[in-house]
C-alpha atoms as a PDB file:
ATOM      1  CA  MET A   1     102.243  77.649 105.863  1.00  0.00           C
ATOM      2  CA  SER A   2     100.262  79.702 103.373  1.00  0.00           C
ATOM      3  CA  HIS A   3     101.912  82.120 100.956  1.00  0.00           C
ATOM      4  CA  ARG A   4      99.656  85.057 100.448  1.00  0.00           C
ATOM      5  CA  ILE A   5     100.104  88.217  98.451  1.00  0.00           C
ATOM      6  CA  ARG A   6      98.789  90.087 101.504  1.00  0.00           C
ATOM      7  CA  ALA A   7      99.700  89.624 105.141  1.00  0.00           C
ATOM      8  CA  THR A   8      96.617  88.372 106.942  1.00  0.00           C
ATOM      9  CA  ALA A   9      94.246  85.483 106.359  1.00  0.00           C
ATOM     10  CA  ILE A  10      90.644  84.973 107.445  1.00  0.00           C
ATOM     11  CA  THR A  11      88.445  82.044 108.282  1.00  0.00           C
ATOM     12  CA  LEU A  12      84.772  82.069 107.361  1.00  0.00           C
ATOM     13  CA  GLN A  13      81.992  80.006 108.879  1.00  0.00           C
ATOM     14  CA  THR A  14      81.859  76.408 107.692  1.00  0.00           C
ATOM     15  CA  ARG A  15      79.005  75.396 105.424  1.00  0.00           C
ATOM     16  CA  THR A  16      78.457  72.367 103.226  1.00  0.00           C
ATOM     17  CA  MET A  17      78.857  72.570  99.449  1.00  0.00           C
ATOM     18  CA  ARG A  18      75.588  71.511  97.863  1.00  0.00           C
ATOM     19  CA  ARG A  19      76.076  72.520  94.227  1.00  0.00           C
ATOM     20  CA  ALA A  20      76.654  70.047  91.417  1.00  0.00           C
ATOM     21  CA  GLY A  21      80.164  69.676  90.052  1.00  0.00           C
ATOM     22  CA  PRO A  22      83.525  68.418  91.317  1.00  0.00           C
ATOM     23  CA  LYS A  23      84.005  68.335  95.062  1.00  0.00           C
ATOM     24  CA  PRO A  24      86.095  71.370  96.042  1.00  0.00           C
ATOM     25  CA  PRO A  25      89.397  70.962  97.878  1.00  0.00           C
ATOM     26  CA  ARG A  26      90.013  72.249 101.375  1.00  0.00           C
ATOM     27  CA  TRP A  27      90.938  75.895 100.894  1.00  0.00           C
ATOM     28  CA  PRO A  28      93.649  77.666 102.918  1.00  0.00           C
ATOM     29  CA  SER A  29      91.133  79.848 104.812  1.00  0.00           C
ATOM     30  CA  TYR A  30      87.734  79.899 103.101  1.00  0.00           C
ATOM     31  CA  ARG A  31      85.083  77.740 104.776  1.00  0.00           C
ATOM     32  CA  GLY A  32      81.914  78.911 103.045  1.00  0.00           C
ATOM     33  CA  ASN A  33      79.878  77.343 100.265  1.00  0.00           C
ATOM     34  CA  SER A  34      81.927  76.607  97.138  1.00  0.00           C
ATOM     35  CA  GLU A  35      79.720  76.818  94.069  1.00  0.00           C
ATOM     36  CA  PHE A  36      81.197  75.158  90.982  1.00  0.00           C
ATOM     37  CA  VAL A  37      81.353  77.565  88.031  1.00  0.00           C
ATOM     38  CA  GLY A  38      83.312  75.686  85.400  1.00  0.00           C
ATOM     39  CA  THR A  39      86.563  74.206  84.191  1.00  0.00           C
ATOM     40  CA  SER A  40      88.888  75.849  81.689  1.00  0.00           C
ATOM     41  CA  PRO A  41      88.863  74.364  78.164  1.00  0.00           C
ATOM     42  CA  SER A  42      92.131  72.502  78.851  1.00  0.00           C
ATOM     43  CA  GLY A  43      90.682  70.971  82.001  1.00  0.00           C
ATOM     44  CA  GLN A  44      93.584  72.308  84.048  1.00  0.00           C
ATOM     45  CA  VAL A  45      91.803  75.008  86.092  1.00  0.00           C
ATOM     46  CA  THR A  46      88.571  74.403  88.026  1.00  0.00           C
ATOM     47  CA  VAL A  47      86.833  77.530  89.304  1.00  0.00           C
ATOM     48  CA  TYR A  48      84.426  77.977  92.228  1.00  0.00           C
ATOM     49  CA  VAL A  49      82.747  81.057  93.694  1.00  0.00           C
ATOM     50  CA  ASP A  50      81.110  82.111  96.936  1.00  0.00           C
ATOM     51  CA  PRO A  51      77.475  82.301  95.753  1.00  0.00           C
ATOM     52  CA  SER A  52      76.521  84.777  98.469  1.00  0.00           C
ATOM     53  CA  LEU A  53      78.400  87.496  96.536  1.00  0.00           C
ATOM     54  CA  GLY A  54      75.907  87.433  93.669  1.00  0.00           C
ATOM     55  CA  GLN A  55      76.297  88.083  89.977  1.00  0.00           C
ATOM     56  CA  ALA A  56      79.364  90.343  90.115  1.00  0.00           C
ATOM     57  CA  ALA A  57      81.491  87.601  91.667  1.00  0.00           C
ATOM     58  CA  ALA A  58      79.911  84.988  89.387  1.00  0.00           C
ATOM     59  CA  LEU A  59      81.040  87.080  86.412  1.00  0.00           C
ATOM     60  CA  ASN A  60      84.589  87.229  87.851  1.00  0.00           C
ATOM     61  CA  ALA A  61      84.536  83.435  88.045  1.00  0.00           C
ATOM     62  CA  LYS A  62      83.138  82.927  84.544  1.00  0.00           C
ATOM     63  CA  ASP A  63      85.722  85.303  83.128  1.00  0.00           C
ATOM     64  CA  LEU A  64      88.508  83.397  84.889  1.00  0.00           C
ATOM     65  CA  VAL A  65      87.264  80.114  83.425  1.00  0.00           C
ATOM     66  CA  GLN A  66      87.712  81.683  79.982  1.00  0.00           C
ATOM     67  CA  ASP A  67      91.051  83.379  80.713  1.00  0.00           C
ATOM     68  CA  ALA A  68      92.704  80.713  82.861  1.00  0.00           C
ATOM     69  CA  ASP A  69      94.325  78.756  80.032  1.00  0.00           C
ATOM     70  CA  ARG A  70      95.961  81.932  78.691  1.00  0.00           C
ATOM     71  CA  VAL A  71      97.418  82.570  82.138  1.00  0.00           C
ATOM     72  CA  VAL A  72      98.535  78.944  82.526  1.00  0.00           C
ATOM     73  CA  LYS A  73     100.275  78.878  79.138  1.00  0.00           C
ATOM     74  CA  ALA A  74     102.062  82.165  79.781  1.00  0.00           C
ATOM     75  CA  ASN A  75     103.115  80.934  83.222  1.00  0.00           C
ATOM     76  CA  ASP A  76     104.400  77.621  81.825  1.00  0.00           C
ATOM     77  CA  ASP A  77     106.389  79.541  79.229  1.00  0.00           C
ATOM     78  CA  MET A  78     107.765  81.852  81.925  1.00  0.00           C
ATOM     79  CA  PHE A  79     109.165  79.009  84.028  1.00  0.00           C
ATOM     80  CA  GLY A  80     109.928  76.548  81.231  1.00  0.00           C
ATOM     81  CA  THR A  81     107.852  73.858  82.926  1.00  0.00           C
ATOM     82  CA  LYS A  82     104.447  72.236  82.598  1.00  0.00           C
ATOM     83  CA  GLY A  83     102.214  73.032  85.550  1.00  0.00           C
ATOM     84  CA  GLY A  84      99.629  70.791  87.152  1.00  0.00           C
ATOM     85  CA  ALA A  85      95.896  71.076  87.727  1.00  0.00           C
ATOM     86  CA  VAL A  86      94.637  73.689  90.180  1.00  0.00           C
ATOM     87  CA  SER A  87      91.365  74.737  91.782  1.00  0.00           C
ATOM     88  CA  VAL A  88      90.404  78.368  92.450  1.00  0.00           C
ATOM     89  CA  ILE A  89      87.801  79.884  94.784  1.00  0.00           C
ATOM     90  CA  ILE A  90      86.717  83.499  94.309  1.00  0.00           C
ATOM     91  CA  PHE A  91      85.354  85.163  97.428  1.00  0.00           C
ATOM     92  CA  ALA A  92      85.598  88.361  99.484  1.00  0.00           C
ATOM     93  CA  LEU A  93      89.072  87.876 100.953  1.00  0.00           C
ATOM     94  CA  ASP A  94      89.311  90.129 104.027  1.00  0.00           C
ATOM     95  CA  GLY A  95      85.726  91.117 103.226  1.00  0.00           C
ATOM     96  CA  ARG A  96      86.857  92.999 100.105  1.00  0.00           C
ATOM     97  CA  THR A  97      85.392  92.846  96.626  1.00  0.00           C
ATOM     98  CA  ASP A  98      87.813  95.101  94.729  1.00  0.00           C
ATOM     99  CA  GLY A  99      90.746  92.680  94.557  1.00  0.00           C
ATOM    100  CA  THR A 100      92.677  94.343  97.367  1.00  0.00           C
ATOM    101  CA  GLY A 101      92.166  91.305  99.617  1.00  0.00           C
ATOM    102  CA  GLY A 102      94.824  89.640  97.464  1.00  0.00           C
ATOM    103  CA  ALA A 103      95.203  85.895  96.993  1.00  0.00           C
ATOM    104  CA  ASP A 104      96.536  82.912  98.900  1.00  0.00           C
ATOM    105  CA  HIS A 105      97.571  79.267  98.659  1.00  0.00           C
ATOM    106  CA  MET A 106      99.644  76.875 100.740  1.00  0.00           C
ATOM    107  CA  GLY A 107     102.861  75.316  99.383  1.00  0.00           C
ATOM    108  CA  CYS A 108     104.853  76.506  96.388  1.00  0.00           C
ATOM    109  CA  ASP A 109     104.170  73.487  94.178  1.00  0.00           C
ATOM    110  CA  TYR A 110     101.250  71.807  92.425  1.00  0.00           C
ATOM    111  CA  THR A 111     100.753  69.229  95.171  1.00  0.00           C
ATOM    112  CA  THR A 112     100.487  71.281  98.359  1.00  0.00           C
ATOM    113  CA  GLY A 113      99.621  74.621  96.753  1.00  0.00           C
ATOM    114  CA  ASN A 114      97.028  73.746  94.118  1.00  0.00           C
ATOM    115  CA  ALA A 115      94.022  75.102  96.069  1.00  0.00           C
ATOM    116  CA  ILE A 116      94.129  78.830  95.314  1.00  0.00           C
ATOM    117  CA  GLU A 117      92.062  81.585  96.912  1.00  0.00           C
ATOM    118  CA  VAL A 118      91.491  84.795  94.944  1.00  0.00           C
ATOM    119  CA  CYS A 119      89.748  87.969  96.070  1.00  0.00           C
ATOM    120  CA  ALA A 120      86.700  88.976  94.068  1.00  0.00           C
ATOM    121  CA  SER A 121      87.097  92.179  92.064  1.00  0.00           C
ATOM    122  CA  PHE A 122      83.698  93.411  90.961  1.00  0.00           C
ATOM    123  CA  GLY A 123      83.850  94.878  87.478  1.00  0.00           C
ATOM    124  CA  ARG A 124      87.586  94.124  87.122  1.00  0.00           C
ATOM    125  CA  SER A 125      88.059  90.490  86.176  1.00  0.00           C
ATOM    126  CA  ASP A 126      91.537  91.372  84.905  1.00  0.00           C
ATOM    127  CA  ARG A 127      92.561  91.791  88.535  1.00  0.00           C
ATOM    128  CA  VAL A 128      91.253  88.306  89.331  1.00  0.00           C
ATOM    129  CA  SER A 129      93.408  86.860  86.534  1.00  0.00           C
ATOM    130  CA  ALA A 130      96.460  88.761  87.802  1.00  0.00           C
ATOM    131  CA  LEU A 131      95.944  87.538  91.369  1.00  0.00           C
ATOM    132  CA  PHE A 132      95.536  84.003  90.055  1.00  0.00           C
ATOM    133  CA  GLU A 133      98.877  84.306  88.266  1.00  0.00           C
ATOM    134  CA  ALA A 134     100.590  85.593  91.415  1.00  0.00           C
ATOM    135  CA  GLU A 135      99.774  82.316  93.168  1.00  0.00           C
ATOM    136  CA  LEU A 136     100.149  80.082  90.107  1.00  0.00           C
ATOM    137  CA  SER A 137     103.679  81.366  89.557  1.00  0.00           C
ATOM    138  CA  GLU A 138     104.627  80.258  93.059  1.00  0.00           C
ATOM    139  CA  CYS A 139     103.349  76.754  92.284  1.00  0.00           C
ATOM    140  CA  SER A 140     105.790  76.724  89.352  1.00  0.00           C
ATOM    141  CA  MET A 141     108.729  77.479  91.632  1.00  0.00           C
ATOM    142  CA  GLY A 142     108.885  73.794  92.574  1.00  0.00           C
ATOM    143  CA  GLY A 143     109.063  74.374  96.317  1.00  0.00           C
ATOM    144  CA  ASN A 144     111.800  76.989  95.939  1.00  0.00           C
ATOM    145  CA  LEU A 145     111.578  80.666  96.984  1.00  0.00           C
ATOM    146  CA  CYS A 146     108.582  79.882  99.183  1.00  0.00           C
ATOM    147  CA  GLY A 147     107.904  82.474 101.870  1.00  0.00           C
ATOM    148  CA  VAL A 148     111.011  84.558 101.115  1.00  0.00           C
ATOM    149  CA  SER A 149     111.367  88.042  99.694  1.00  0.00           C
ATOM    150  CA  THR A 150     112.899  87.011  96.376  1.00  0.00           C
ATOM    151  CA  GLY A 151     110.042  84.637  95.604  1.00  0.00           C
ATOM    152  CA  GLU A 152     107.442  87.249  96.516  1.00  0.00           C
ATOM    153  CA  ALA A 153     109.028  89.823  94.217  1.00  0.00           C
ATOM    154  CA  LEU A 154     109.203  87.303  91.392  1.00  0.00           C
ATOM    155  CA  SER A 155     105.563  86.265  91.778  1.00  0.00           C
ATOM    156  CA  ARG A 156     104.459  89.903  91.718  1.00  0.00           C
ATOM    157  CA  TRP A 157     106.482  90.535  88.576  1.00  0.00           C
ATOM    158  CA  CYS A 158     104.881  87.509  86.913  1.00  0.00           C
ATOM    159  CA  ALA A 159     101.476  88.878  87.899  1.00  0.00           C
ATOM    160  CA  ALA A 160     102.382  92.299  86.501  1.00  0.00           C
ATOM    161  CA  VAL A 161     103.490  90.937  83.133  1.00  0.00           C
ATOM    162  CA  ILE A 162     100.962  88.147  82.600  1.00  0.00           C
ATOM    163  CA  GLY A 163      98.217  90.105  84.379  1.00  0.00           C
ATOM    164  CA  LYS A 164      98.894  93.209  82.282  1.00  0.00           C
ATOM    165  CA  ASN A 165      99.714  95.413  85.274  1.00  0.00           C
ATOM    166  CA  ALA A 166      96.207  95.102  86.711  1.00  0.00           C
ATOM    167  CA  LEU A 167      97.598  95.214  90.277  1.00  0.00           C
ATOM    168  CA  ALA A 168      99.499  98.498  90.116  1.00  0.00           C
ATOM    169  CA  ASP A 169      98.037  99.454  93.506  1.00  0.00           C
ATOM    170  CA  PHE A 170      99.965  96.587  95.151  1.00  0.00           C
ATOM    171  CA  THR A 171     103.195  98.520  94.659  1.00  0.00           C
ATOM    172  CA  THR A 172     105.975  98.128  97.258  1.00  0.00           C
ATOM    173  CA  ALA A 173     109.133  99.632  95.713  1.00  0.00           C
ATOM    174  CA  PRO A 174     108.189 103.237  96.609  1.00  0.00           C
ATOM    175  CA  GLN A 175     107.804 102.178 100.248  1.00  0.00           C
ATOM    176  CA  TRP A 176     111.274 100.603 100.135  1.00  0.00           C
ATOM    177  CA  ALA A 177     112.681 103.862  98.762  1.00  0.00           C
ATOM    178  CA  GLN A 178     110.902 105.956 101.393  1.00  0.00           C
ATOM    179  CA  ASP A 179     112.304 103.703 104.120  1.00  0.00           C
ATOM    180  CA  GLY A 180     115.882 104.429 103.101  1.00  0.00           C
ATOM    181  CA  MET A 181     116.458 101.635 100.576  1.00  0.00           C
ATOM    182  CA  PRO A 182     117.696  98.896 102.936  1.00  0.00           C
ATOM    183  CA  ASP A 183     119.972  96.372 101.236  1.00  0.00           C
ATOM    184  CA  PHE A 184     118.018  93.240 100.377  1.00  0.00           C
ATOM    185  CA  VAL A 185     120.276  92.572  97.398  1.00  0.00           C
ATOM    186  CA  ASN A 186     123.054  90.986  99.426  1.00  0.00           C
ATOM    187  CA  GLN A 187     120.643  89.275 101.797  1.00  0.00           C
ATOM    188  CA  THR A 188     117.310  87.531 101.296  1.00  0.00           C
ATOM    189  CA  ASP A 189     114.579  88.301 103.802  1.00  0.00           C
ATOM    190  CA  PRO A 190     113.020  85.073 105.184  1.00  0.00           C
ATOM    191  CA  THR A 191     109.489  86.440 104.797  1.00  0.00           C
ATOM    192  CA  ASP A 192     107.150  87.320 101.945  1.00  0.00           C
ATOM    193  CA  GLN A 193     105.297  89.937 103.998  1.00  0.00           C
ATOM    194  CA  ASN A 194     107.846  92.763 104.285  1.00  0.00           C
ATOM    195  CA  PRO A 195     107.151  95.566 101.794  1.00  0.00           C
ATOM    196  CA  ASP A 196     110.734  96.813 102.057  1.00  0.00           C
ATOM    197  CA  SER A 197     112.363  93.538 101.013  1.00  0.00           C
ATOM    198  CA  THR A 198     109.684  92.846  98.412  1.00  0.00           C
ATOM    199  CA  GLY A 199     110.002  96.391  97.097  1.00  0.00           C
ATOM    200  CA  CYS A 200     113.764  96.079  96.798  1.00  0.00           C
ATOM    201  CA  GLY A 201     113.251  92.913  94.771  1.00  0.00           C
ATOM    202  CA  MET A 202     110.692  94.605  92.521  1.00  0.00           C
ATOM    203  CA  ALA A 203     113.021  97.503  91.762  1.00  0.00           C
ATOM    204  CA  PHE A 204     115.989  95.174  91.252  1.00  0.00           C
ATOM    205  CA  ILE A 205     114.133  93.026  88.724  1.00  0.00           C
ATOM    206  CA  SER A 206     112.973  96.215  86.980  1.00  0.00           C
ATOM    207  CA  TRP A 207     116.642  97.186  86.728  1.00  0.00           C
ATOM    208  CA  LEU A 208     117.618  93.849  85.174  1.00  0.00           C
ATOM    209  CA  LEU A 209     114.759  93.997  82.677  1.00  0.00           C
ATOM    210  CA  ALA A 210     115.768  97.531  81.671  1.00  0.00           C
ATOM    211  CA  LYS A 211     119.220  96.135  80.895  1.00  0.00           C
ATOM    212  CA  GLY A 212     117.638  93.779  78.377  1.00  0.00           C
ATOM    213  CA  TYR A 213     117.370  90.567  80.393  1.00  0.00           C
ATOM    214  CA  ASP A 214     114.214  88.526  79.902  1.00  0.00           C
ATOM    215  CA  LEU A 215     111.840  87.928  82.817  1.00  0.00           C
ATOM    216  CA  SER A 216     111.617  84.247  81.909  1.00  0.00           C
ATOM    217  CA  LYS A 217     115.389  83.908  82.252  1.00  0.00           C
ATOM    218  CA  VAL A 218     115.292  85.865  85.504  1.00  0.00           C
ATOM    219  CA  ALA A 219     112.553  83.582  86.841  1.00  0.00           C
ATOM    220  CA  GLN A 220     114.287  80.338  85.941  1.00  0.00           C
ATOM    221  CA  THR A 221     117.612  81.549  87.340  1.00  0.00           C
ATOM    222  CA  MET A 222     116.001  82.630  90.609  1.00  0.00           C
ATOM    223  CA  VAL A 223     114.348  79.227  90.986  1.00  0.00           C
ATOM    224  CA  SER A 224     117.696  77.499  90.374  1.00  0.00           C
ATOM    225  CA  LEU A 225     119.326  79.590  93.121  1.00  0.00           C
ATOM    226  CA  GLY A 226     116.734  78.433  95.647  1.00  0.00           C
ATOM    227  CA  ASP A 227     115.584  79.906  98.944  1.00  0.00           C
ATOM    228  CA  SER A 228     119.035  81.022 100.046  1.00  0.00           C
ATOM    229  CA  GLY A 229     119.887  82.684  96.743  1.00  0.00           C
ATOM    230  CA  THR A 230     120.327  86.456  96.784  1.00  0.00           C
ATOM    231  CA  LEU A 231     119.610  89.101  94.192  1.00  0.00           C
ATOM    232  CA  ALA A 232     123.365  89.709  94.070  1.00  0.00           C
ATOM    233  CA  GLN A 233     123.845  86.090  93.037  1.00  0.00           C
ATOM    234  CA  LEU A 234     121.097  86.508  90.455  1.00  0.00           C
ATOM    235  CA  TYR A 235     122.988  89.495  89.042  1.00  0.00           C
ATOM    236  CA  ALA A 236     126.191  87.455  88.867  1.00  0.00           C
ATOM    237  CA  LYS A 237     124.453  84.593  87.054  1.00  0.00           C
ATOM    238  CA  MET A 238     122.718  86.905  84.587  1.00  0.00           C
ATOM    239  CA  THR A 239     125.656  89.200  83.807  1.00  0.00           C
ATOM    240  CA  SER A 240     128.731  87.031  84.513  1.00  0.00           C
ATOM    241  CA  ASP A 241     129.931  89.950  86.646  1.00  0.00           C
ATOM    242  CA  SER A 242     130.880  89.776  90.316  1.00  0.00           C
ATOM    243  CA  ALA A 243     128.024  89.519  92.820  1.00  0.00           C
ATOM    244  CA  ALA A 244     129.843  92.143  94.896  1.00  0.00           C
ATOM    245  CA  LYS A 245     129.199  94.719  92.177  1.00  0.00           C
ATOM    246  CA  ALA A 246     125.414  94.246  92.137  1.00  0.00           C
ATOM    247  CA  TRP A 247     124.421  96.553  94.993  1.00  0.00           C
ATOM    248  CA  PRO A 248     126.742  99.473  94.091  1.00  0.00           C
ATOM    249  CA  ALA A 249     125.719  99.362  90.423  1.00  0.00           C
ATOM    250  CA  PHE A 250     122.020  99.106  91.305  1.00  0.00           C
ATOM    251  CA  GLN A 251     122.253 101.975  93.784  1.00  0.00           C
ATOM    252  CA  SER A 252     124.096 104.163  91.288  1.00  0.00           C
ATOM    253  CA  ASP A 253     121.387 103.676  88.693  1.00  0.00           C
ATOM    254  CA  ILE A 254     118.627 104.181  91.280  1.00  0.00           C
ATOM    255  CA  GLN A 255     120.129 107.530  92.196  1.00  0.00           C
ATOM    256  CA  SER A 256     120.140 108.506  88.520  1.00  0.00           C
ATOM    257  CA  LEU A 257     116.413 107.968  88.034  1.00  0.00           C
ATOM    258  CA  PRO A 258     114.912 111.342  87.066  1.00  0.00           C
ATOM    259  CA  ASN A 259     111.744 110.835  89.110  1.00  0.00           C
ATOM    260  CA  GLY A 260     113.004 108.478  91.766  1.00  0.00           C
ATOM    261  CA  VAL A 261     111.167 105.278  92.651  1.00  0.00           C
ATOM    262  CA  THR A 262     107.462 105.906  92.076  1.00  0.00           C
ATOM    263  CA  SER A 263     106.316 102.421  91.034  1.00  0.00           C
ATOM    264  CA  ASP A 264     107.393  98.789  91.071  1.00  0.00           C
ATOM    265  CA  ASP A 265     108.942  99.308  87.635  1.00  0.00           C
ATOM    266  CA  PRO A 266     110.990 102.481  88.107  1.00  0.00           C
ATOM    267  CA  PHE A 267     113.462 101.687  85.324  1.00  0.00           C
ATOM    268  CA  GLY A 268     110.726 100.706  82.897  1.00  0.00           C
ATOM    269  CA  GLU A 269     108.977 104.001  83.573  1.00  0.00           C
ATOM    270  CA  ALA A 270     112.223 105.884  83.053  1.00  0.00           C
ATOM    271  CA  ASN A 271     112.591 104.333  79.602  1.00  0.00           C
ATOM    272  CA  THR A 272     109.052 105.131  78.368  1.00  0.00           C
END
């Protein structure tokens, strides 16, 4: 099973890699030519590109080679663990070259999920770095939270913080609010492709951060709770309050937002 930041995956025509450099891994969906671009200074991140996309994609790849170690270090610090080596291919995911094709990988660890696909984003290499972090963060979850709503929300928050909010257009919390704010605090949705459950998680984490809790602590606690853990249980662990109080308290504060839920960080916006 792949764990993509967007819902659908594509398969491109198979071709043989003929460029010099390390042999690329088998990617989750990409089957085109993988041109080796470089390896980050630490040796931990190896980057490839679809050469048919030309210089704009090549620049995305070169920029990621230079930025990858910053992302890796921040991600390791976030989860309190040392990650493994990964490979990244930059191509037109869903035929898109503005980053909106998202990113994908397989398992949520550094063994089954270390071949990462990232959508090219011509002229916006910061979006490539943010998409890379979205998938890298899932590798650091150690097989936990894979393919569930809590893990998807956490990975998007990691991408927002480490990727400097370069993916603001991937917002889901406003959709959750428009759909009547279904309760995904007391239950975890067994999918990472539902904008309502992801959006609830985004808003809930925003709420915890606004209360002064650190995202790193949130991340490590969520991983410890595992796939079946709920946001209510996260609240109880973080606050030492009853899990039963999480949803009412969250809803009360949501209703008090002066502008409602207009982004994935509604409480952060309210405090700026």
